[in-house]
Amino acid sequence: SMLDFCLRNMGIEVLLVTGCNTNGCVFETLVGGKNMGYDFIMASDATAAFTANLQTLAEAWIAQHFALVTTTEEAIQMLSSSKK
């Protein structure tokens, strides 16, 4: 897709990630994006897995290797303060 091209042309380096299947689709998005050099914030309350245990395990793995895991409110505060 043209997503990488568009993001780079806009100077975007940090992405906020939300979505379903935290241990599947969200995880794969983070792996691919990290390989392209992006940094990520993942909103834990805006992602979901099929069970609470899968969500917890996925969040722990993602926090160790791919993204800063926060709540949506914390992410909004961080991104708002970075604009100033």
PDB file of N, CA and C in Angstrom:
ATOM      1  N   SER A   1       0.836  -1.186   0.000  1.00  0.00           N
ATOM      2  CA  SER A   1       0.000   0.000   0.000  1.00  0.00           C
ATOM      3  C   SER A   1       0.876   1.243   0.000  1.00  0.00           C
ATOM      4  N   MET A   2       0.242   2.353  -0.146  1.00  0.00           N
ATOM      5  CA  MET A   2       0.936   3.647  -0.169  1.00  0.00           C
ATOM      6  C   MET A   2       1.084   4.240   1.234  1.00  0.00           C
ATOM      7  N   LEU A   3       0.671   3.515   2.250  1.00  0.00           N
ATOM      8  CA  LEU A   3       0.667   4.062   3.608  1.00  0.00           C
ATOM      9  C   LEU A   3       2.054   4.518   4.048  1.00  0.00           C
ATOM     10  N   ASP A   4       3.059   3.679   3.888  1.00  0.00           N
ATOM     11  CA  ASP A   4       4.417   4.047   4.299  1.00  0.00           C
ATOM     12  C   ASP A   4       4.871   5.302   3.559  1.00  0.00           C
ATOM     13  N   PHE A   5       4.648   5.363   2.267  1.00  0.00           N
ATOM     14  CA  PHE A   5       5.021   6.520   1.455  1.00  0.00           C
ATOM     15  C   PHE A   5       4.346   7.793   1.976  1.00  0.00           C
ATOM     16  N   CYS A   6       3.047   7.695   2.250  1.00  0.00           N
ATOM     17  CA  CYS A   6       2.293   8.868   2.731  1.00  0.00           C
ATOM     18  C   CYS A   6       2.775   9.321   4.106  1.00  0.00           C
ATOM     19  N   LEU A   7       2.958   8.364   5.025  1.00  0.00           N
ATOM     20  CA  LEU A   7       3.404   8.713   6.378  1.00  0.00           C
ATOM     21  C   LEU A   7       4.779   9.381   6.344  1.00  0.00           C
ATOM     22  N   ARG A   8       5.684   8.835   5.577  1.00  0.00           N
ATOM     23  CA  ARG A   8       7.034   9.415   5.500  1.00  0.00           C
ATOM     24  C   ARG A   8       7.005  10.816   4.885  1.00  0.00           C
ATOM     25  N   ASN A   9       6.187  11.008   3.870  1.00  0.00           N
ATOM     26  CA  ASN A   9       6.090  12.328   3.242  1.00  0.00           C
ATOM     27  C   ASN A   9       5.477  13.362   4.164  1.00  0.00           C
ATOM     28  N   MET A  10       4.669  12.920   5.139  1.00  0.00           N
ATOM     29  CA  MET A  10       4.094  13.845   6.115  1.00  0.00           C
ATOM     30  C   MET A  10       4.980  14.000   7.341  1.00  0.00           C
ATOM     31  N   GLY A  11       6.102  13.281   7.386  1.00  0.00           N
ATOM     32  CA  GLY A  11       7.027  13.383   8.510  1.00  0.00           C
ATOM     33  C   GLY A  11       6.549  12.664   9.760  1.00  0.00           C
ATOM     34  N   ILE A  12       5.641  11.727   9.612  1.00  0.00           N
ATOM     35  CA  ILE A  12       5.102  10.999  10.767  1.00  0.00           C
ATOM     36  C   ILE A  12       6.032   9.856  11.132  1.00  0.00           C
ATOM     37  N   GLU A  13       6.428   9.817  12.393  1.00  0.00           N
ATOM     38  CA  GLU A  13       7.341   8.784  12.882  1.00  0.00           C
ATOM     39  C   GLU A  13       6.742   7.942  13.994  1.00  0.00           C
ATOM     40  N   VAL A  14       5.711   8.482  14.670  1.00  0.00           N
ATOM     41  CA  VAL A  14       5.066   7.787  15.789  1.00  0.00           C
ATOM     42  C   VAL A  14       3.604   7.565  15.449  1.00  0.00           C
ATOM     43  N   LEU A  15       3.143   6.326  15.629  1.00  0.00           N
ATOM     44  CA  LEU A  15       1.767   5.981  15.309  1.00  0.00           C
ATOM     45  C   LEU A  15       1.048   5.477  16.551  1.00  0.00           C
ATOM     46  N   LEU A  16      -0.208   5.845  16.689  1.00  0.00           N
ATOM     47  CA  LEU A  16      -1.073   5.349  17.755  1.00  0.00           C
ATOM     48  C   LEU A  16      -1.849   4.166  17.193  1.00  0.00           C
ATOM     49  N   VAL A  17      -1.747   3.028  17.859  1.00  0.00           N
ATOM     50  CA  VAL A  17      -2.363   1.797  17.353  1.00  0.00           C
ATOM     51  C   VAL A  17      -3.556   1.398  18.206  1.00  0.00           C
ATOM     52  N   THR A  18      -4.642   1.054  17.526  1.00  0.00           N
ATOM     53  CA  THR A  18      -5.834   0.492  18.146  1.00  0.00           C
ATOM     54  C   THR A  18      -6.268  -0.672  17.266  1.00  0.00           C
ATOM     55  N   GLY A  19      -7.179  -1.504  17.747  1.00  0.00           N
ATOM     56  CA  GLY A  19      -7.696  -2.540  16.866  1.00  0.00           C
ATOM     57  C   GLY A  19      -8.111  -3.797  17.589  1.00  0.00           C
ATOM     58  N   CYS A  20      -8.608  -4.723  16.800  1.00  0.00           N
ATOM     59  CA  CYS A  20      -9.065  -6.008  17.327  1.00  0.00           C
ATOM     60  C   CYS A  20      -8.002  -7.074  17.111  1.00  0.00           C
ATOM     61  N   ASN A  21      -8.074  -8.071  17.939  1.00  0.00           N
ATOM     62  CA  ASN A  21      -7.144  -9.199  17.921  1.00  0.00           C
ATOM     63  C   ASN A  21      -5.724  -8.713  18.225  1.00  0.00           C
ATOM     64  N   THR A  22      -5.544  -8.257  19.430  1.00  0.00           N
ATOM     65  CA  THR A  22      -4.264  -7.702  19.876  1.00  0.00           C
ATOM     66  C   THR A  22      -3.111  -8.656  19.615  1.00  0.00           C
ATOM     67  N   ASN A  23      -3.328  -9.930  19.862  1.00  0.00           N
ATOM     68  CA  ASN A  23      -2.264 -10.919  19.687  1.00  0.00           C
ATOM     69  C   ASN A  23      -2.154 -11.387  18.240  1.00  0.00           C
ATOM     70  N   GLY A  24      -2.928 -10.831  17.337  1.00  0.00           N
ATOM     71  CA  GLY A  24      -2.879 -11.204  15.927  1.00  0.00           C
ATOM     72  C   GLY A  24      -2.624  -9.995  15.051  1.00  0.00           C
ATOM     73  N   CYS A  25      -3.705  -9.374  14.600  1.00  0.00           N
ATOM     74  CA  CYS A  25      -3.612  -8.252  13.656  1.00  0.00           C
ATOM     75  C   CYS A  25      -2.836  -7.065  14.206  1.00  0.00           C
ATOM     76  N   VAL A  26      -3.117  -6.681  15.446  1.00  0.00           N
ATOM     77  CA  VAL A  26      -2.410  -5.536  16.046  1.00  0.00           C
ATOM     78  C   VAL A  26      -0.921  -5.863  16.159  1.00  0.00           C
ATOM     79  N   PHE A  27      -0.620  -7.058  16.648  1.00  0.00           N
ATOM     80  CA  PHE A  27       0.772  -7.493  16.788  1.00  0.00           C
ATOM     81  C   PHE A  27       1.496  -7.459  15.438  1.00  0.00           C
ATOM     82  N   GLU A  28       0.877  -7.994  14.400  1.00  0.00           N
ATOM     83  CA  GLU A  28       1.511  -8.025  13.075  1.00  0.00           C
ATOM     84  C   GLU A  28       1.738  -6.622  12.522  1.00  0.00           C
ATOM     85  N   THR A  29       0.814  -5.713  12.789  1.00  0.00           N
ATOM     86  CA  THR A  29       0.976  -4.323  12.370  1.00  0.00           C
ATOM     87  C   THR A  29       2.201  -3.709  13.045  1.00  0.00           C
ATOM     88  N   LEU A  30       2.349  -3.985  14.337  1.00  0.00           N
ATOM     89  CA  LEU A  30       3.493  -3.450  15.081  1.00  0.00           C
ATOM     90  C   LEU A  30       4.810  -4.022  14.577  1.00  0.00           C
ATOM     91  N   VAL A  31       4.849  -5.315  14.323  1.00  0.00           N
ATOM     92  CA  VAL A  31       6.074  -5.947  13.818  1.00  0.00           C
ATOM     93  C   VAL A  31       6.464  -5.339  12.474  1.00  0.00           C
ATOM     94  N   GLY A  32       5.502  -5.253  11.559  1.00  0.00           N
ATOM     95  CA  GLY A  32       5.789  -4.682  10.244  1.00  0.00           C
ATOM     96  C   GLY A  32       6.228  -3.235  10.323  1.00  0.00           C
ATOM     97  N   GLY A  33       5.540  -2.455  11.134  1.00  0.00           N
ATOM     98  CA  GLY A  33       5.885  -1.040  11.279  1.00  0.00           C
ATOM     99  C   GLY A  33       7.232  -0.816  11.920  1.00  0.00           C
ATOM    100  N   LYS A  34       7.555  -1.627  12.928  1.00  0.00           N
ATOM    101  CA  LYS A  34       8.875  -1.513  13.567  1.00  0.00           C
ATOM    102  C   LYS A  34       9.976  -1.822  12.568  1.00  0.00           C
ATOM    103  N   ASN A  35       9.742  -2.824  11.719  1.00  0.00           N
ATOM    104  CA  ASN A  35      10.726  -3.171  10.691  1.00  0.00           C
ATOM    105  C   ASN A  35      10.925  -2.041   9.686  1.00  0.00           C
ATOM    106  N   MET A  36       9.935  -1.156   9.560  1.00  0.00           N
ATOM    107  CA  MET A  36      10.051   0.005   8.676  1.00  0.00           C
ATOM    108  C   MET A  36      10.567   1.232   9.410  1.00  0.00           C
ATOM    109  N   GLY A  37      10.791   1.114  10.728  1.00  0.00           N
ATOM    110  CA  GLY A  37      11.391   2.205  11.476  1.00  0.00           C
ATOM    111  C   GLY A  37      10.437   3.100  12.242  1.00  0.00           C
ATOM    112  N   TYR A  38       9.167   2.748  12.332  1.00  0.00           N
ATOM    113  CA  TYR A  38       8.210   3.568  13.072  1.00  0.00           C
ATOM    114  C   TYR A  38       8.237   3.233  14.561  1.00  0.00           C
ATOM    115  N   ASP A  39       7.851   4.204  15.364  1.00  0.00           N
ATOM    116  CA  ASP A  39       7.637   4.004  16.794  1.00  0.00           C
ATOM    117  C   ASP A  39       6.130   3.986  17.031  1.00  0.00           C
ATOM    118  N   PHE A  40       5.719   3.285  18.100  1.00  0.00           N
ATOM    119  CA  PHE A  40       4.288   3.090  18.336  1.00  0.00           C
ATOM    120  C   PHE A  40       3.888   3.352  19.777  1.00  0.00           C
ATOM    121  N   ILE A  41       2.664   3.840  19.905  1.00  0.00           N
ATOM    122  CA  ILE A  41       1.950   3.869  21.173  1.00  0.00           C
ATOM    123  C   ILE A  41       0.727   2.986  20.952  1.00  0.00           C
ATOM    124  N   MET A  42       0.494   2.035  21.833  1.00  0.00           N
ATOM    125  CA  MET A  42      -0.686   1.183  21.724  1.00  0.00           C
ATOM    126  C   MET A  42      -1.638   1.503  22.858  1.00  0.00           C
ATOM    127  N   ALA A  43      -2.857   1.854  22.520  1.00  0.00           N
ATOM    128  CA  ALA A  43      -3.880   2.146  23.518  1.00  0.00           C
ATOM    129  C   ALA A  43      -4.504   0.822  23.971  1.00  0.00           C
ATOM    130  N   SER A  44      -4.165   0.402  25.174  1.00  0.00           N
ATOM    131  CA  SER A  44      -4.597  -0.916  25.651  1.00  0.00           C
ATOM    132  C   SER A  44      -6.115  -1.016  25.802  1.00  0.00           C
ATOM    133  N   ASP A  45      -6.768   0.084  26.102  1.00  0.00           N
ATOM    134  CA  ASP A  45      -8.223   0.052  26.247  1.00  0.00           C
ATOM    135  C   ASP A  45      -8.939   0.268  24.913  1.00  0.00           C
ATOM    136  N   ALA A  46      -8.177   0.349  23.828  1.00  0.00           N
ATOM    137  CA  ALA A  46      -8.754   0.465  22.491  1.00  0.00           C
ATOM    138  C   ALA A  46      -8.282  -0.693  21.612  1.00  0.00           C
ATOM    139  N   THR A  47      -7.877  -1.779  22.265  1.00  0.00           N
ATOM    140  CA  THR A  47      -7.521  -3.020  21.582  1.00  0.00           C
ATOM    141  C   THR A  47      -8.247  -4.155  22.290  1.00  0.00           C
ATOM    142  N   ALA A  48      -8.338  -5.289  21.622  1.00  0.00           N
ATOM    143  CA  ALA A  48      -9.049  -6.415  22.233  1.00  0.00           C
ATOM    144  C   ALA A  48      -8.522  -7.740  21.703  1.00  0.00           C
ATOM    145  N   ALA A  49      -8.563  -8.742  22.562  1.00  0.00           N
ATOM    146  CA  ALA A  49      -8.242 -10.121  22.184  1.00  0.00           C
ATOM    147  C   ALA A  49      -9.442 -10.981  22.569  1.00  0.00           C
ATOM    148  N   PHE A  50      -9.411 -12.236  22.176  1.00  0.00           N
ATOM    149  CA  PHE A  50     -10.553 -13.113  22.441  1.00  0.00           C
ATOM    150  C   PHE A  50     -10.735 -13.437  23.915  1.00  0.00           C
ATOM    151  N   THR A  51      -9.650 -13.370  24.698  1.00  0.00           N
ATOM    152  CA  THR A  51      -9.758 -13.596  26.141  1.00  0.00           C
ATOM    153  C   THR A  51      -8.914 -12.558  26.865  1.00  0.00           C
ATOM    154  N   ALA A  52      -9.232 -12.342  28.135  1.00  0.00           N
ATOM    155  CA  ALA A  52      -8.461 -11.393  28.949  1.00  0.00           C
ATOM    156  C   ALA A  52      -7.016 -11.858  29.085  1.00  0.00           C
ATOM    157  N   ASN A  53      -6.808 -13.161  29.192  1.00  0.00           N
ATOM    158  CA  ASN A  53      -5.455 -13.691  29.316  1.00  0.00           C
ATOM    159  C   ASN A  53      -4.634 -13.418  28.055  1.00  0.00           C
ATOM    160  N   LEU A  54      -5.223 -13.639  26.884  1.00  0.00           N
ATOM    161  CA  LEU A  54      -4.511 -13.338  25.636  1.00  0.00           C
ATOM    162  C   LEU A  54      -4.182 -11.858  25.533  1.00  0.00           C
ATOM    163  N   GLN A  55      -5.098 -10.996  25.964  1.00  0.00           N
ATOM    164  CA  GLN A  55      -4.853  -9.556  25.942  1.00  0.00           C
ATOM    165  C   GLN A  55      -3.682  -9.196  26.842  1.00  0.00           C
ATOM    166  N   THR A  56      -3.681  -9.743  28.050  1.00  0.00           N
ATOM    167  CA  THR A  56      -2.614  -9.459  29.011  1.00  0.00           C
ATOM    168  C   THR A  56      -1.262  -9.919  28.488  1.00  0.00           C
ATOM    169  N   LEU A  57      -1.215 -11.128  27.954  1.00  0.00           N
ATOM    170  CA  LEU A  57       0.046 -11.665  27.417  1.00  0.00           C
ATOM    171  C   LEU A  57       0.522 -10.852  26.217  1.00  0.00           C
ATOM    172  N   ALA A  58      -0.393 -10.497  25.334  1.00  0.00           N
ATOM    173  CA  ALA A  58      -0.027  -9.704  24.159  1.00  0.00           C
ATOM    174  C   ALA A  58       0.490  -8.328  24.564  1.00  0.00           C
ATOM    175  N   GLU A  59      -0.192  -7.690  25.508  1.00  0.00           N
ATOM    176  CA  GLU A  59       0.255  -6.367  25.969  1.00  0.00           C
ATOM    177  C   GLU A  59       1.659  -6.438  26.556  1.00  0.00           C
ATOM    178  N   ALA A  60       1.933  -7.469  27.347  1.00  0.00           N
ATOM    179  CA  ALA A  60       3.260  -7.613  27.959  1.00  0.00           C
ATOM    180  C   ALA A  60       4.340  -7.787  26.890  1.00  0.00           C
ATOM    181  N   TRP A  61       4.073  -8.629  25.909  1.00  0.00           N
ATOM    182  CA  TRP A  61       5.053  -8.880  24.841  1.00  0.00           C
ATOM    183  C   TRP A  61       5.260  -7.623  23.999  1.00  0.00           C
ATOM    184  N   ILE A  62       4.171  -6.960  23.666  1.00  0.00           N
ATOM    185  CA  ILE A  62       4.243  -5.739  22.868  1.00  0.00           C
ATOM    186  C   ILE A  62       5.001  -4.647  23.619  1.00  0.00           C
ATOM    187  N   ALA A  63       4.744  -4.501  24.912  1.00  0.00           N
ATOM    188  CA  ALA A  63       5.428  -3.483  25.717  1.00  0.00           C
ATOM    189  C   ALA A  63       6.927  -3.746  25.796  1.00  0.00           C
ATOM    190  N   GLN A  64       7.311  -5.002  25.800  1.00  0.00           N
ATOM    191  CA  GLN A  64       8.742  -5.333  25.875  1.00  0.00           C
ATOM    192  C   GLN A  64       9.473  -5.087  24.568  1.00  0.00           C
ATOM    193  N   HIS A  65       8.772  -5.242  23.443  1.00  0.00           N
ATOM    194  CA  HIS A  65       9.486  -5.275  22.166  1.00  0.00           C
ATOM    195  C   HIS A  65       9.057  -4.248  21.118  1.00  0.00           C
ATOM    196  N   PHE A  66       7.834  -3.742  21.177  1.00  0.00           N
ATOM    197  CA  PHE A  66       7.346  -3.003  20.023  1.00  0.00           C
ATOM    198  C   PHE A  66       6.713  -1.644  20.280  1.00  0.00           C
ATOM    199  N   ALA A  67       6.114  -1.426  21.442  1.00  0.00           N
ATOM    200  CA  ALA A  67       5.349  -0.186  21.616  1.00  0.00           C
ATOM    201  C   ALA A  67       5.269   0.214  23.077  1.00  0.00           C
ATOM    202  N   LEU A  68       5.017   1.476  23.271  1.00  0.00           N
ATOM    203  CA  LEU A  68       4.649   1.968  24.591  1.00  0.00           C
ATOM    204  C   LEU A  68       3.172   1.646  24.757  1.00  0.00           C
ATOM    205  N   VAL A  69       2.810   0.890  25.783  1.00  0.00           N
ATOM    206  CA  VAL A  69       1.422   0.508  26.016  1.00  0.00           C
ATOM    207  C   VAL A  69       0.841   1.418  27.091  1.00  0.00           C
ATOM    208  N   THR A  70      -0.201   2.159  26.725  1.00  0.00           N
ATOM    209  CA  THR A  70      -0.842   3.113  27.626  1.00  0.00           C
ATOM    210  C   THR A  70      -2.351   3.002  27.453  1.00  0.00           C
ATOM    211  N   THR A  71      -3.071   3.813  28.191  1.00  0.00           N
ATOM    212  CA  THR A  71      -4.512   3.946  27.957  1.00  0.00           C
ATOM    213  C   THR A  71      -4.717   5.001  26.866  1.00  0.00           C
ATOM    214  N   THR A  72      -5.923   5.064  26.360  1.00  0.00           N
ATOM    215  CA  THR A  72      -6.243   6.078  25.352  1.00  0.00           C
ATOM    216  C   THR A  72      -6.036   7.477  25.914  1.00  0.00           C
ATOM    217  N   GLU A  73      -6.500   7.704  27.133  1.00  0.00           N
ATOM    218  CA  GLU A  73      -6.362   9.024  27.746  1.00  0.00           C
ATOM    219  C   GLU A  73      -4.892   9.413  27.903  1.00  0.00           C
ATOM    220  N   GLU A  74      -4.062   8.482  28.354  1.00  0.00           N
ATOM    221  CA  GLU A  74      -2.624   8.767  28.491  1.00  0.00           C
ATOM    222  C   GLU A  74      -1.992   9.057  27.138  1.00  0.00           C
ATOM    223  N   ALA A  75      -2.387   8.317  26.123  1.00  0.00           N
ATOM    224  CA  ALA A  75      -1.847   8.537  24.781  1.00  0.00           C
ATOM    225  C   ALA A  75      -2.223   9.912  24.254  1.00  0.00           C
ATOM    226  N   ILE A  76      -3.470  10.303  24.464  1.00  0.00           N
ATOM    227  CA  ILE A  76      -3.920  11.627  24.019  1.00  0.00           C
ATOM    228  C   ILE A  76      -3.133  12.721  24.729  1.00  0.00           C
ATOM    229  N   GLN A  77      -2.926  12.579  26.023  1.00  0.00           N
ATOM    230  CA  GLN A  77      -2.155  13.568  26.774  1.00  0.00           C
ATOM    231  C   GLN A  77      -0.718  13.644  26.267  1.00  0.00           C
ATOM    232  N   MET A  78      -0.117  12.491  26.023  1.00  0.00           N
ATOM    233  CA  MET A  78       1.260  12.473  25.524  1.00  0.00           C
ATOM    234  C   MET A  78       1.370  13.139  24.167  1.00  0.00           C
ATOM    235  N   LEU A  79       0.471  12.780  23.264  1.00  0.00           N
ATOM    236  CA  LEU A  79       0.515  13.343  21.911  1.00  0.00           C
ATOM    237  C   LEU A  79       0.179  14.832  21.925  1.00  0.00           C
ATOM    238  N   SER A  80      -0.726  15.249  22.773  1.00  0.00           N
ATOM    239  CA  SER A  80      -1.063  16.673  22.872  1.00  0.00           C
ATOM    240  C   SER A  80       0.111  17.483  23.390  1.00  0.00           C
ATOM    241  N   SER A  81       0.798  16.962  24.396  1.00  0.00           N
ATOM    242  CA  SER A  81       1.928  17.697  24.967  1.00  0.00           C
ATOM    243  C   SER A  81       3.129  17.706  24.019  1.00  0.00           C
ATOM    244  N   SER A  82       3.232  16.730  23.127  1.00  0.00           N
ATOM    245  CA  SER A  82       4.366  16.704  22.200  1.00  0.00           C
ATOM    246  C   SER A  82       4.218  17.747  21.101  1.00  0.00           C
ATOM    247  N   LYS A  83       3.007  18.231  20.871  1.00  0.00           N
ATOM    248  CA  LYS A  83       2.784  19.260  19.854  1.00  0.00           C
ATOM    249  C   LYS A  83       3.244  20.629  20.332  1.00  0.00           C
ATOM    250  N   LYS A  84       3.348  20.805  21.663  1.00  0.00           N
ATOM    251  CA  LYS A  84       3.673  22.118  22.216  1.00  0.00           C
ATOM    252  C   LYS A  84       5.128  22.418  22.199  1.00  0.00           C
TER     253      LYS A  84
END
